[in-house]
Amino acid sequence: MSERSDDDEQTRAEFGEAVNMTATELSDWLETDESRGVGQKKDGGESTGHESGRHIVRILKKKKADLTDADIAHMRKVVGYVKRHGAQRPKGDITDTDWRYSLMNWGHDSKKA
């Protein structure tokens, strides 16, 4: 896509804030048992969050000019998920929680500053 609307630019900025893991960090995380063990599974297979994480890795590796409408739509979905799920932070240490692991599948590690 050559021209980006202001909405798309806003989405990119919000996505950049929500996704605080690099493509490599996220890709490595998605290979773990913890990553595969959380989230709502579709038909007993891959979870929605795990599939999203793979799409996020592809987005992070693209140049801005190469982003598709589907990528922008997914970026909006990611921003919404991170905001909603992030607001449900449990009390106490979140290090080894499904809550944190679910967010990490969506590219956000709540343990990062």
PDB file of N, CA and C in Angstrom:
ATOM      1  N   MET A   1       0.840  -1.173   0.000  1.00  0.00           N
ATOM      2  CA  MET A   1       0.000   0.000   0.000  1.00  0.00           C
ATOM      3  C   MET A   1       0.882   1.231   0.000  1.00  0.00           C
ATOM      4  N   SER A   2       0.530   2.198  -0.812  1.00  0.00           N
ATOM      5  CA  SER A   2       1.386   3.359  -0.922  1.00  0.00           C
ATOM      6  C   SER A   2       0.963   4.490   0.018  1.00  0.00           C
ATOM      7  N   GLU A   3      -0.315   4.781   0.101  1.00  0.00           N
ATOM      8  CA  GLU A   3      -0.810   5.870   0.929  1.00  0.00           C
ATOM      9  C   GLU A   3      -1.398   5.306   2.219  1.00  0.00           C
ATOM     10  N   ARG A   4      -1.072   5.926   3.314  1.00  0.00           N
ATOM     11  CA  ARG A   4      -1.613   5.517   4.612  1.00  0.00           C
ATOM     12  C   ARG A   4      -2.460   6.653   5.171  1.00  0.00           C
ATOM     13  N   SER A   5      -3.591   6.293   5.716  1.00  0.00           N
ATOM     14  CA  SER A   5      -4.448   7.290   6.334  1.00  0.00           C
ATOM     15  C   SER A   5      -3.911   7.630   7.712  1.00  0.00           C
ATOM     16  N   ASP A   6      -4.436   8.708   8.290  1.00  0.00           N
ATOM     17  CA  ASP A   6      -4.062   9.077   9.653  1.00  0.00           C
ATOM     18  C   ASP A   6      -4.440   7.964  10.626  1.00  0.00           C
ATOM     19  N   ASP A   7      -5.579   7.303  10.371  1.00  0.00           N
ATOM     20  CA  ASP A   7      -5.997   6.186  11.231  1.00  0.00           C
ATOM     21  C   ASP A   7      -4.971   5.068  11.212  1.00  0.00           C
ATOM     22  N   ASP A   8      -4.443   4.774  10.025  1.00  0.00           N
ATOM     23  CA  ASP A   8      -3.433   3.721   9.910  1.00  0.00           C
ATOM     24  C   ASP A   8      -2.160   4.103  10.660  1.00  0.00           C
ATOM     25  N   GLU A   9      -1.788   5.375  10.580  1.00  0.00           N
ATOM     26  CA  GLU A   9      -0.596   5.838  11.287  1.00  0.00           C
ATOM     27  C   GLU A   9      -0.817   5.742  12.799  1.00  0.00           C
ATOM     28  N   GLN A  10      -2.023   6.094  13.239  1.00  0.00           N
ATOM     29  CA  GLN A  10      -2.362   5.979  14.661  1.00  0.00           C
ATOM     30  C   GLN A  10      -2.289   4.506  15.090  1.00  0.00           C
ATOM     31  N   THR A  11      -2.810   3.631  14.248  1.00  0.00           N
ATOM     32  CA  THR A  11      -2.774   2.190  14.547  1.00  0.00           C
ATOM     33  C   THR A  11      -1.330   1.721  14.670  1.00  0.00           C
ATOM     34  N   ARG A  12      -0.483   2.140  13.751  1.00  0.00           N
ATOM     35  CA  ARG A  12       0.926   1.740  13.810  1.00  0.00           C
ATOM     36  C   ARG A  12       1.577   2.217  15.102  1.00  0.00           C
ATOM     37  N   ALA A  13       1.268   3.445  15.519  1.00  0.00           N
ATOM     38  CA  ALA A  13       1.847   3.989  16.749  1.00  0.00           C
ATOM     39  C   ALA A  13       1.355   3.200  17.963  1.00  0.00           C
ATOM     40  N   GLU A  14       0.055   2.927  18.018  1.00  0.00           N
ATOM     41  CA  GLU A  14      -0.500   2.173  19.142  1.00  0.00           C
ATOM     42  C   GLU A  14       0.024   0.740  19.159  1.00  0.00           C
ATOM     43  N   PHE A  15       0.183   0.152  17.984  1.00  0.00           N
ATOM     44  CA  PHE A  15       0.740  -1.199  17.871  1.00  0.00           C
ATOM     45  C   PHE A  15       2.173  -1.204  18.396  1.00  0.00           C
ATOM     46  N   GLY A  16       2.934  -0.178  18.049  1.00  0.00           N
ATOM     47  CA  GLY A  16       4.312  -0.066  18.519  1.00  0.00           C
ATOM     48  C   GLY A  16       4.417   0.037  20.030  1.00  0.00           C
ATOM     49  N   GLU A  17       3.409   0.641  20.660  1.00  0.00           N
ATOM     50  CA  GLU A  17       3.387   0.733  22.117  1.00  0.00           C
ATOM     51  C   GLU A  17       2.930  -0.585  22.740  1.00  0.00           C
ATOM     52  N   ALA A  18       1.946  -1.223  22.129  1.00  0.00           N
ATOM     53  CA  ALA A  18       1.385  -2.464  22.682  1.00  0.00           C
ATOM     54  C   ALA A  18       2.340  -3.641  22.537  1.00  0.00           C
ATOM     55  N   VAL A  19       2.987  -3.745  21.391  1.00  0.00           N
ATOM     56  CA  VAL A  19       3.895  -4.861  21.116  1.00  0.00           C
ATOM     57  C   VAL A  19       5.300  -4.441  21.523  1.00  0.00           C
ATOM     58  N   ASN A  20       5.743  -4.953  22.665  1.00  0.00           N
ATOM     59  CA  ASN A  20       7.060  -4.566  23.170  1.00  0.00           C
ATOM     60  C   ASN A  20       8.092  -5.688  23.051  1.00  0.00           C
ATOM     61  N   MET A  21       7.748  -6.722  22.299  1.00  0.00           N
ATOM     62  CA  MET A  21       8.695  -7.806  22.041  1.00  0.00           C
ATOM     63  C   MET A  21       9.188  -7.679  20.594  1.00  0.00           C
ATOM     64  N   THR A  22      10.437  -8.027  20.370  1.00  0.00           N
ATOM     65  CA  THR A  22      10.968  -8.019  19.015  1.00  0.00           C
ATOM     66  C   THR A  22      10.455  -9.245  18.267  1.00  0.00           C
ATOM     67  N   ALA A  23      10.617  -9.237  16.963  1.00  0.00           N
ATOM     68  CA  ALA A  23      10.217 -10.392  16.162  1.00  0.00           C
ATOM     69  C   ALA A  23      10.946 -11.654  16.637  1.00  0.00           C
ATOM     70  N   THR A  24      12.214 -11.530  16.951  1.00  0.00           N
ATOM     71  CA  THR A  24      12.998 -12.682  17.414  1.00  0.00           C
ATOM     72  C   THR A  24      12.523 -13.159  18.778  1.00  0.00           C
ATOM     73  N   GLU A  25      12.301 -12.226  19.703  1.00  0.00           N
ATOM     74  CA  GLU A  25      11.815 -12.610  21.034  1.00  0.00           C
ATOM     75  C   GLU A  25      10.475 -13.327  20.934  1.00  0.00           C
ATOM     76  N   LEU A  26       9.574 -12.768  20.140  1.00  0.00           N
ATOM     77  CA  LEU A  26       8.248 -13.361  20.006  1.00  0.00           C
ATOM     78  C   LEU A  26       8.318 -14.719  19.315  1.00  0.00           C
ATOM     79  N   SER A  27       9.104 -14.807  18.270  1.00  0.00           N
ATOM     80  CA  SER A  27       9.255 -16.070  17.558  1.00  0.00           C
ATOM     81  C   SER A  27       9.804 -17.155  18.483  1.00  0.00           C
ATOM     82  N   ASP A  28      10.818 -16.813  19.263  1.00  0.00           N
ATOM     83  CA  ASP A  28      11.394 -17.769  20.217  1.00  0.00           C
ATOM     84  C   ASP A  28      10.354 -18.160  21.268  1.00  0.00           C
ATOM     85  N   TRP A  29       9.607 -17.188  21.778  1.00  0.00           N
ATOM     86  CA  TRP A  29       8.569 -17.465  22.779  1.00  0.00           C
ATOM     87  C   TRP A  29       7.524 -18.429  22.230  1.00  0.00           C
ATOM     88  N   LEU A  30       7.110 -18.225  20.994  1.00  0.00           N
ATOM     89  CA  LEU A  30       6.058 -19.053  20.402  1.00  0.00           C
ATOM     90  C   LEU A  30       6.460 -20.524  20.279  1.00  0.00           C
ATOM     91  N   GLU A  31       7.744 -20.811  20.394  1.00  0.00           N
ATOM     92  CA  GLU A  31       8.234 -22.185  20.327  1.00  0.00           C
ATOM     93  C   GLU A  31       8.166 -22.908  21.673  1.00  0.00           C
ATOM     94  N   THR A  32       7.818 -22.195  22.736  1.00  0.00           N
ATOM     95  CA  THR A  32       7.834 -22.799  24.072  1.00  0.00           C
ATOM     96  C   THR A  32       6.522 -23.524  24.387  1.00  0.00           C
ATOM     97  N   ASP A  33       6.614 -24.470  25.309  1.00  0.00           N
ATOM     98  CA  ASP A  33       5.426 -25.175  25.792  1.00  0.00           C
ATOM     99  C   ASP A  33       4.473 -24.222  26.499  1.00  0.00           C
ATOM    100  N   GLU A  34       5.030 -23.241  27.230  1.00  0.00           N
ATOM    101  CA  GLU A  34       4.197 -22.269  27.928  1.00  0.00           C
ATOM    102  C   GLU A  34       3.339 -21.475  26.948  1.00  0.00           C
ATOM    103  N   SER A  35       3.921 -21.105  25.836  1.00  0.00           N
ATOM    104  CA  SER A  35       3.181 -20.356  24.821  1.00  0.00           C
ATOM    105  C   SER A  35       2.049 -21.194  24.241  1.00  0.00           C
ATOM    106  N   ARG A  36       2.358 -22.427  23.945  1.00  0.00           N
ATOM    107  CA  ARG A  36       1.347 -23.316  23.345  1.00  0.00           C
ATOM    108  C   ARG A  36       0.274 -23.742  24.344  1.00  0.00           C
ATOM    109  N   GLY A  37       0.558 -23.604  25.638  1.00  0.00           N
ATOM    110  CA  GLY A  37      -0.343 -24.094  26.673  1.00  0.00           C
ATOM    111  C   GLY A  37      -1.424 -23.129  27.112  1.00  0.00           C
ATOM    112  N   VAL A  38      -1.411 -21.904  26.619  1.00  0.00           N
ATOM    113  CA  VAL A  38      -2.408 -20.922  27.051  1.00  0.00           C
ATOM    114  C   VAL A  38      -3.285 -20.481  25.888  1.00  0.00           C
ATOM    115  N   GLY A  39      -4.416 -19.960  26.247  1.00  0.00           N
ATOM    116  CA  GLY A  39      -5.306 -19.368  25.253  1.00  0.00           C
ATOM    117  C   GLY A  39      -6.406 -20.305  24.814  1.00  0.00           C
ATOM    118  N   GLN A  40      -7.380 -19.700  24.167  1.00  0.00           N
ATOM    119  CA  GLN A  40      -8.532 -20.436  23.675  1.00  0.00           C
ATOM    120  C   GLN A  40      -8.157 -21.159  22.386  1.00  0.00           C
ATOM    121  N   LYS A  41      -8.314 -22.476  22.407  1.00  0.00           N
ATOM    122  CA  LYS A  41      -7.948 -23.307  21.261  1.00  0.00           C
ATOM    123  C   LYS A  41      -9.101 -23.358  20.261  1.00  0.00           C
ATOM    124  N   LYS A  42      -8.754 -23.299  19.004  1.00  0.00           N
ATOM    125  CA  LYS A  42      -9.742 -23.438  17.940  1.00  0.00           C
ATOM    126  C   LYS A  42      -9.740 -24.893  17.479  1.00  0.00           C
ATOM    127  N   ASP A  43     -10.863 -25.562  17.632  1.00  0.00           N
ATOM    128  CA  ASP A  43     -10.994 -26.958  17.211  1.00  0.00           C
ATOM    129  C   ASP A  43      -9.910 -27.849  17.807  1.00  0.00           C
ATOM    130  N   GLY A  44      -9.485 -27.535  19.032  1.00  0.00           N
ATOM    131  CA  GLY A  44      -8.489 -28.360  19.702  1.00  0.00           C
ATOM    132  C   GLY A  44      -7.071 -28.167  19.201  1.00  0.00           C
ATOM    133  N   GLY A  45      -6.870 -27.247  18.281  1.00  0.00           N
ATOM    134  CA  GLY A  45      -5.546 -27.015  17.713  1.00  0.00           C
ATOM    135  C   GLY A  45      -4.861 -25.805  18.322  1.00  0.00           C
ATOM    136  N   GLU A  46      -4.345 -24.971  17.465  1.00  0.00           N
ATOM    137  CA  GLU A  46      -3.606 -23.785  17.882  1.00  0.00           C
ATOM    138  C   GLU A  46      -4.551 -22.750  18.494  1.00  0.00           C
ATOM    139  N   SER A  47      -4.073 -22.088  19.544  1.00  0.00           N
ATOM    140  CA  SER A  47      -4.893 -21.051  20.175  1.00  0.00           C
ATOM    141  C   SER A  47      -4.923 -19.797  19.298  1.00  0.00           C
ATOM    142  N   THR A  48      -5.947 -18.998  19.522  1.00  0.00           N
ATOM    143  CA  THR A  48      -6.103 -17.737  18.796  1.00  0.00           C
ATOM    144  C   THR A  48      -4.885 -16.841  19.024  1.00  0.00           C
ATOM    145  N   GLY A  49      -4.421 -16.766  20.283  1.00  0.00           N
ATOM    146  CA  GLY A  49      -3.272 -15.925  20.603  1.00  0.00           C
ATOM    147  C   GLY A  49      -1.986 -16.399  19.954  1.00  0.00           C
ATOM    148  N   HIS A  50      -1.798 -17.716  19.897  1.00  0.00           N
ATOM    149  CA  HIS A  50      -0.586 -18.263  19.285  1.00  0.00           C
ATOM    150  C   HIS A  50      -0.573 -17.954  17.791  1.00  0.00           C
ATOM    151  N   GLU A  51      -1.716 -18.125  17.146  1.00  0.00           N
ATOM    152  CA  GLU A  51      -1.826 -17.791  15.724  1.00  0.00           C
ATOM    153  C   GLU A  51      -1.582 -16.294  15.512  1.00  0.00           C
ATOM    154  N   SER A  52      -2.138 -15.479  16.399  1.00  0.00           N
ATOM    155  CA  SER A  52      -1.918 -14.038  16.316  1.00  0.00           C
ATOM    156  C   SER A  52      -0.436 -13.707  16.430  1.00  0.00           C
ATOM    157  N   GLY A  53       0.234 -14.370  17.354  1.00  0.00           N
ATOM    158  CA  GLY A  53       1.665 -14.132  17.533  1.00  0.00           C
ATOM    159  C   GLY A  53       2.461 -14.391  16.261  1.00  0.00           C
ATOM    160  N   ARG A  54       2.098 -15.445  15.538  1.00  0.00           N
ATOM    161  CA  ARG A  54       2.802 -15.734  14.278  1.00  0.00           C
ATOM    162  C   ARG A  54       2.557 -14.606  13.270  1.00  0.00           C
ATOM    163  N   HIS A  55       1.331 -14.067  13.232  1.00  0.00           N
ATOM    164  CA  HIS A  55       1.021 -12.951  12.330  1.00  0.00           C
ATOM    165  C   HIS A  55       1.798 -11.702  12.764  1.00  0.00           C
ATOM    166  N   ILE A  56       1.890 -11.468  14.060  1.00  0.00           N
ATOM    167  CA  ILE A  56       2.639 -10.310  14.566  1.00  0.00           C
ATOM    168  C   ILE A  56       4.104 -10.398  14.151  1.00  0.00           C
ATOM    169  N   VAL A  57       4.691 -11.576  14.234  1.00  0.00           N
ATOM    170  CA  VAL A  57       6.087 -11.745  13.805  1.00  0.00           C
ATOM    171  C   VAL A  57       6.228 -11.327  12.341  1.00  0.00           C
ATOM    172  N   ARG A  58       5.295 -11.765  11.495  1.00  0.00           N
ATOM    173  CA  ARG A  58       5.359 -11.385  10.073  1.00  0.00           C
ATOM    174  C   ARG A  58       5.244  -9.866   9.908  1.00  0.00           C
ATOM    175  N   ILE A  59       4.343  -9.249  10.675  1.00  0.00           N
ATOM    176  CA  ILE A  59       4.168  -7.791  10.602  1.00  0.00           C
ATOM    177  C   ILE A  59       5.446  -7.083  11.021  1.00  0.00           C
ATOM    178  N   LEU A  60       6.043  -7.525  12.125  1.00  0.00           N
ATOM    179  CA  LEU A  60       7.256  -6.874  12.632  1.00  0.00           C
ATOM    180  C   LEU A  60       8.417  -6.954  11.642  1.00  0.00           C
ATOM    181  N   LYS A  61       8.414  -7.964  10.803  1.00  0.00           N
ATOM    182  CA  LYS A  61       9.500  -8.134   9.834  1.00  0.00           C
ATOM    183  C   LYS A  61       9.278  -7.331   8.549  1.00  0.00           C
ATOM    184  N   LYS A  62       8.090  -6.768   8.386  1.00  0.00           N
ATOM    185  CA  LYS A  62       7.772  -6.030   7.163  1.00  0.00           C
ATOM    186  C   LYS A  62       8.178  -4.565   7.261  1.00  0.00           C
ATOM    187  N   LYS A  63       8.405  -3.976   6.109  1.00  0.00           N
ATOM    188  CA  LYS A  63       8.588  -2.543   6.024  1.00  0.00           C
ATOM    189  C   LYS A  63       7.206  -1.899   6.048  1.00  0.00           C
ATOM    190  N   LYS A  64       7.142  -0.682   6.522  1.00  0.00           N
ATOM    191  CA  LYS A  64       5.878   0.047   6.612  1.00  0.00           C
ATOM    192  C   LYS A  64       5.118   0.028   5.281  1.00  0.00           C
ATOM    193  N   ALA A  65       5.815   0.239   4.197  1.00  0.00           N
ATOM    194  CA  ALA A  65       5.179   0.308   2.878  1.00  0.00           C
ATOM    195  C   ALA A  65       4.607  -1.031   2.426  1.00  0.00           C
ATOM    196  N   ASP A  66       5.056  -2.118   3.048  1.00  0.00           N
ATOM    197  CA  ASP A  66       4.609  -3.450   2.645  1.00  0.00           C
ATOM    198  C   ASP A  66       3.427  -3.969   3.459  1.00  0.00           C
ATOM    199  N   LEU A  67       2.976  -3.178   4.432  1.00  0.00           N
ATOM    200  CA  LEU A  67       1.843  -3.609   5.255  1.00  0.00           C
ATOM    201  C   LEU A  67       0.566  -3.640   4.413  1.00  0.00           C
ATOM    202  N   THR A  68      -0.205  -4.694   4.579  1.00  0.00           N
ATOM    203  CA  THR A  68      -1.463  -4.842   3.850  1.00  0.00           C
ATOM    204  C   THR A  68      -2.626  -4.350   4.715  1.00  0.00           C
ATOM    205  N   ASP A  69      -3.798  -4.251   4.103  1.00  0.00           N
ATOM    206  CA  ASP A  69      -4.990  -3.899   4.871  1.00  0.00           C
ATOM    207  C   ASP A  69      -5.238  -4.938   5.963  1.00  0.00           C
ATOM    208  N   ALA A  70      -4.988  -6.209   5.651  1.00  0.00           N
ATOM    209  CA  ALA A  70      -5.163  -7.281   6.642  1.00  0.00           C
ATOM    210  C   ALA A  70      -4.181  -7.107   7.800  1.00  0.00           C
ATOM    211  N   ASP A  71      -2.964  -6.670   7.509  1.00  0.00           N
ATOM    212  CA  ASP A  71      -1.980  -6.413   8.567  1.00  0.00           C
ATOM    213  C   ASP A  71      -2.458  -5.283   9.477  1.00  0.00           C
ATOM    214  N   ILE A  72      -2.934  -4.199   8.891  1.00  0.00           N
ATOM    215  CA  ILE A  72      -3.427  -3.060   9.671  1.00  0.00           C
ATOM    216  C   ILE A  72      -4.614  -3.497  10.541  1.00  0.00           C
ATOM    217  N   ALA A  73      -5.511  -4.287   9.968  1.00  0.00           N
ATOM    218  CA  ALA A  73      -6.665  -4.781  10.729  1.00  0.00           C
ATOM    219  C   ALA A  73      -6.189  -5.644  11.896  1.00  0.00           C
ATOM    220  N   HIS A  74      -5.176  -6.484  11.664  1.00  0.00           N
ATOM    221  CA  HIS A  74      -4.666  -7.326  12.737  1.00  0.00           C
ATOM    222  C   HIS A  74      -3.979  -6.474  13.802  1.00  0.00           C
ATOM    223  N   MET A  75      -3.291  -5.437  13.381  1.00  0.00           N
ATOM    224  CA  MET A  75      -2.636  -4.545  14.332  1.00  0.00           C
ATOM    225  C   MET A  75      -3.680  -3.912  15.257  1.00  0.00           C
ATOM    226  N   ARG A  76      -4.820  -3.529  14.698  1.00  0.00           N
ATOM    227  CA  ARG A  76      -5.906  -2.970  15.524  1.00  0.00           C
ATOM    228  C   ARG A  76      -6.417  -4.017  16.521  1.00  0.00           C
ATOM    229  N   LYS A  77      -6.548  -5.244  16.065  1.00  0.00           N
ATOM    230  CA  LYS A  77      -7.005  -6.338  16.928  1.00  0.00           C
ATOM    231  C   LYS A  77      -6.019  -6.552  18.079  1.00  0.00           C
ATOM    232  N   VAL A  78      -4.736  -6.503  17.774  1.00  0.00           N
ATOM    233  CA  VAL A  78      -3.691  -6.691  18.785  1.00  0.00           C
ATOM    234  C   VAL A  78      -3.766  -5.579  19.833  1.00  0.00           C
ATOM    235  N   VAL A  79      -3.885  -4.339  19.371  1.00  0.00           N
ATOM    236  CA  VAL A  79      -3.963  -3.200  20.290  1.00  0.00           C
ATOM    237  C   VAL A  79      -5.156  -3.370  21.224  1.00  0.00           C
ATOM    238  N   GLY A  80      -6.295  -3.741  20.688  1.00  0.00           N
ATOM    239  CA  GLY A  80      -7.487  -3.936  21.502  1.00  0.00           C
ATOM    240  C   GLY A  80      -7.310  -5.048  22.517  1.00  0.00           C
ATOM    241  N   TYR A  81      -6.729  -6.162  22.082  1.00  0.00           N
ATOM    242  CA  TYR A  81      -6.530  -7.290  22.999  1.00  0.00           C
ATOM    243  C   TYR A  81      -5.593  -6.906  24.133  1.00  0.00           C
ATOM    244  N   VAL A  82      -4.472  -6.285  23.806  1.00  0.00           N
ATOM    245  CA  VAL A  82      -3.489  -5.932  24.830  1.00  0.00           C
ATOM    246  C   VAL A  82      -4.106  -4.960  25.835  1.00  0.00           C
ATOM    247  N   LYS A  83      -4.900  -4.006  25.357  1.00  0.00           N
ATOM    248  CA  LYS A  83      -5.551  -3.066  26.277  1.00  0.00           C
ATOM    249  C   LYS A  83      -6.548  -3.787  27.180  1.00  0.00           C
ATOM    250  N   ARG A  84      -7.401  -4.612  26.597  1.00  0.00           N
ATOM    251  CA  ARG A  84      -8.427  -5.309  27.389  1.00  0.00           C
ATOM    252  C   ARG A  84      -7.812  -6.299  28.375  1.00  0.00           C
ATOM    253  N   HIS A  85      -6.927  -7.147  27.871  1.00  0.00           N
ATOM    254  CA  HIS A  85      -6.335  -8.184  28.713  1.00  0.00           C
ATOM    255  C   HIS A  85      -5.396  -7.565  29.750  1.00  0.00           C
ATOM    256  N   GLY A  86      -4.676  -6.536  29.347  1.00  0.00           N
ATOM    257  CA  GLY A  86      -3.767  -5.857  30.267  1.00  0.00           C
ATOM    258  C   GLY A  86      -4.490  -5.249  31.455  1.00  0.00           C
ATOM    259  N   ALA A  87      -5.717  -4.805  31.240  1.00  0.00           N
ATOM    260  CA  ALA A  87      -6.515  -4.207  32.318  1.00  0.00           C
ATOM    261  C   ALA A  87      -6.962  -5.242  33.345  1.00  0.00           C
ATOM    262  N   GLN A  88      -6.823  -6.510  33.039  1.00  0.00           N
ATOM    263  CA  GLN A  88      -7.242  -7.591  33.939  1.00  0.00           C
ATOM    264  C   GLN A  88      -6.070  -8.155  34.740  1.00  0.00           C
ATOM    265  N   ARG A  89      -5.028  -7.369  34.903  1.00  0.00           N
ATOM    266  CA  ARG A  89      -3.815  -7.825  35.595  1.00  0.00           C
ATOM    267  C   ARG A  89      -4.157  -8.402  36.974  1.00  0.00           C
ATOM    268  N   PRO A  90      -3.696  -9.619  37.238  1.00  0.00           N
ATOM    269  CA  PRO A  90      -3.948 -10.208  38.554  1.00  0.00           C
ATOM    270  C   PRO A  90      -3.035  -9.594  39.612  1.00  0.00           C
ATOM    271  N   LYS A  91      -3.412  -9.773  40.857  1.00  0.00           N
ATOM    272  CA  LYS A  91      -2.575  -9.299  41.967  1.00  0.00           C
ATOM    273  C   LYS A  91      -1.396 -10.249  42.145  1.00  0.00           C
ATOM    274  N   GLY A  92      -0.330  -9.718  42.704  1.00  0.00           N
ATOM    275  CA  GLY A  92       0.822 -10.543  43.025  1.00  0.00           C
ATOM    276  C   GLY A  92       1.806 -10.668  41.869  1.00  0.00           C
ATOM    277  N   ASP A  93       2.690 -11.629  42.021  1.00  0.00           N
ATOM    278  CA  ASP A  93       3.746 -11.868  41.036  1.00  0.00           C
ATOM    279  C   ASP A  93       3.134 -12.470  39.767  1.00  0.00           C
ATOM    280  N   ILE A  94       3.362 -11.817  38.645  1.00  0.00           N
ATOM    281  CA  ILE A  94       2.777 -12.259  37.370  1.00  0.00           C
ATOM    282  C   ILE A  94       3.760 -13.051  36.520  1.00  0.00           C
ATOM    283  N   THR A  95       4.955 -13.289  37.026  1.00  0.00           N
ATOM    284  CA  THR A  95       6.021 -13.894  36.225  1.00  0.00           C
ATOM    285  C   THR A  95       5.592 -15.173  35.517  1.00  0.00           C
ATOM    286  N   ASP A  96       5.074 -16.132  36.236  1.00  0.00           N
ATOM    287  CA  ASP A  96       4.736 -17.429  35.649  1.00  0.00           C
ATOM    288  C   ASP A  96       3.224 -17.651  35.607  1.00  0.00           C
ATOM    289  N   THR A  97       2.511 -16.669  35.080  1.00  0.00           N
ATOM    290  CA  THR A  97       1.045 -16.770  35.039  1.00  0.00           C
ATOM    291  C   THR A  97       0.532 -16.923  33.605  1.00  0.00           C
ATOM    292  N   ASP A  98      -0.597 -17.593  33.487  1.00  0.00           N
ATOM    293  CA  ASP A  98      -1.237 -17.706  32.178  1.00  0.00           C
ATOM    294  C   ASP A  98      -1.590 -16.325  31.633  1.00  0.00           C
ATOM    295  N   TRP A  99      -1.926 -15.402  32.527  1.00  0.00           N
ATOM    296  CA  TRP A  99      -2.255 -14.034  32.114  1.00  0.00           C
ATOM    297  C   TRP A  99      -1.085 -13.421  31.340  1.00  0.00           C
ATOM    298  N   ARG A 100       0.101 -13.498  31.911  1.00  0.00           N
ATOM    299  CA  ARG A 100       1.292 -12.951  31.243  1.00  0.00           C
ATOM    300  C   ARG A 100       1.590 -13.713  29.957  1.00  0.00           C
ATOM    301  N   TYR A 101       1.501 -15.037  30.022  1.00  0.00           N
ATOM    302  CA  TYR A 101       1.814 -15.845  28.849  1.00  0.00           C
ATOM    303  C   TYR A 101       0.861 -15.539  27.695  1.00  0.00           C
ATOM    304  N   SER A 102      -0.413 -15.318  28.006  1.00  0.00           N
ATOM    305  CA  SER A 102      -1.374 -14.964  26.955  1.00  0.00           C
ATOM    306  C   SER A 102      -0.996 -13.645  26.299  1.00  0.00           C
ATOM    307  N   LEU A 103      -0.636 -12.663  27.115  1.00  0.00           N
ATOM    308  CA  LEU A 103      -0.205 -11.377  26.554  1.00  0.00           C
ATOM    309  C   LEU A 103       1.052 -11.533  25.704  1.00  0.00           C
ATOM    310  N   MET A 104       1.957 -12.381  26.151  1.00  0.00           N
ATOM    311  CA  MET A 104       3.186 -12.585  25.383  1.00  0.00           C
ATOM    312  C   MET A 104       2.885 -13.192  24.016  1.00  0.00           C
ATOM    313  N   ASN A 105       1.875 -14.053  23.934  1.00  0.00           N
ATOM    314  CA  ASN A 105       1.489 -14.595  22.627  1.00  0.00           C
ATOM    315  C   ASN A 105       1.047 -13.482  21.682  1.00  0.00           C
ATOM    316  N   TRP A 106       0.563 -12.387  22.244  1.00  0.00           N
ATOM    317  CA  TRP A 106       0.123 -11.227  21.464  1.00  0.00           C
ATOM    318  C   TRP A 106       1.219 -10.172  21.366  1.00  0.00           C
ATOM    319  N   GLY A 107       2.456 -10.530  21.748  1.00  0.00           N
ATOM    320  CA  GLY A 107       3.594  -9.639  21.553  1.00  0.00           C
ATOM    321  C   GLY A 107       3.883  -8.674  22.679  1.00  0.00           C
ATOM    322  N   HIS A 108       3.175  -8.815  23.812  1.00  0.00           N
ATOM    323  CA  HIS A 108       3.374  -7.887  24.930  1.00  0.00           C
ATOM    324  C   HIS A 108       3.854  -8.639  26.158  1.00  0.00           C
ATOM    325  N   ASP A 109       5.065  -8.288  26.613  1.00  0.00           N
ATOM    326  CA  ASP A 109       5.591  -8.881  27.839  1.00  0.00           C
ATOM    327  C   ASP A 109       5.442  -7.847  28.959  1.00  0.00           C
ATOM    328  N   SER A 110       4.538  -8.120  29.875  1.00  0.00           N
ATOM    329  CA  SER A 110       4.232  -7.181  30.946  1.00  0.00           C
ATOM    330  C   SER A 110       5.379  -7.038  31.961  1.00  0.00           C
ATOM    331  N   LYS A 111       6.382  -7.884  31.854  1.00  0.00           N
ATOM    332  CA  LYS A 111       7.550  -7.785  32.743  1.00  0.00           C
ATOM    333  C   LYS A 111       8.586  -6.790  32.200  1.00  0.00           C
ATOM    334  N   LYS A 112       8.425  -6.373  30.961  1.00  0.00           N
ATOM    335  CA  LYS A 112       9.349  -5.393  30.386  1.00  0.00           C
ATOM    336  C   LYS A 112       8.963  -3.995  30.855  1.00  0.00           C
ATOM    337  N   ALA A 113       9.974  -3.167  31.067  1.00  0.00           N
ATOM    338  CA  ALA A 113       9.718  -1.785  31.507  1.00  0.00           C
ATOM    339  C   ALA A 113       9.049  -0.982  30.413  1.00  0.00           C
TER     340      ALA A 113
END
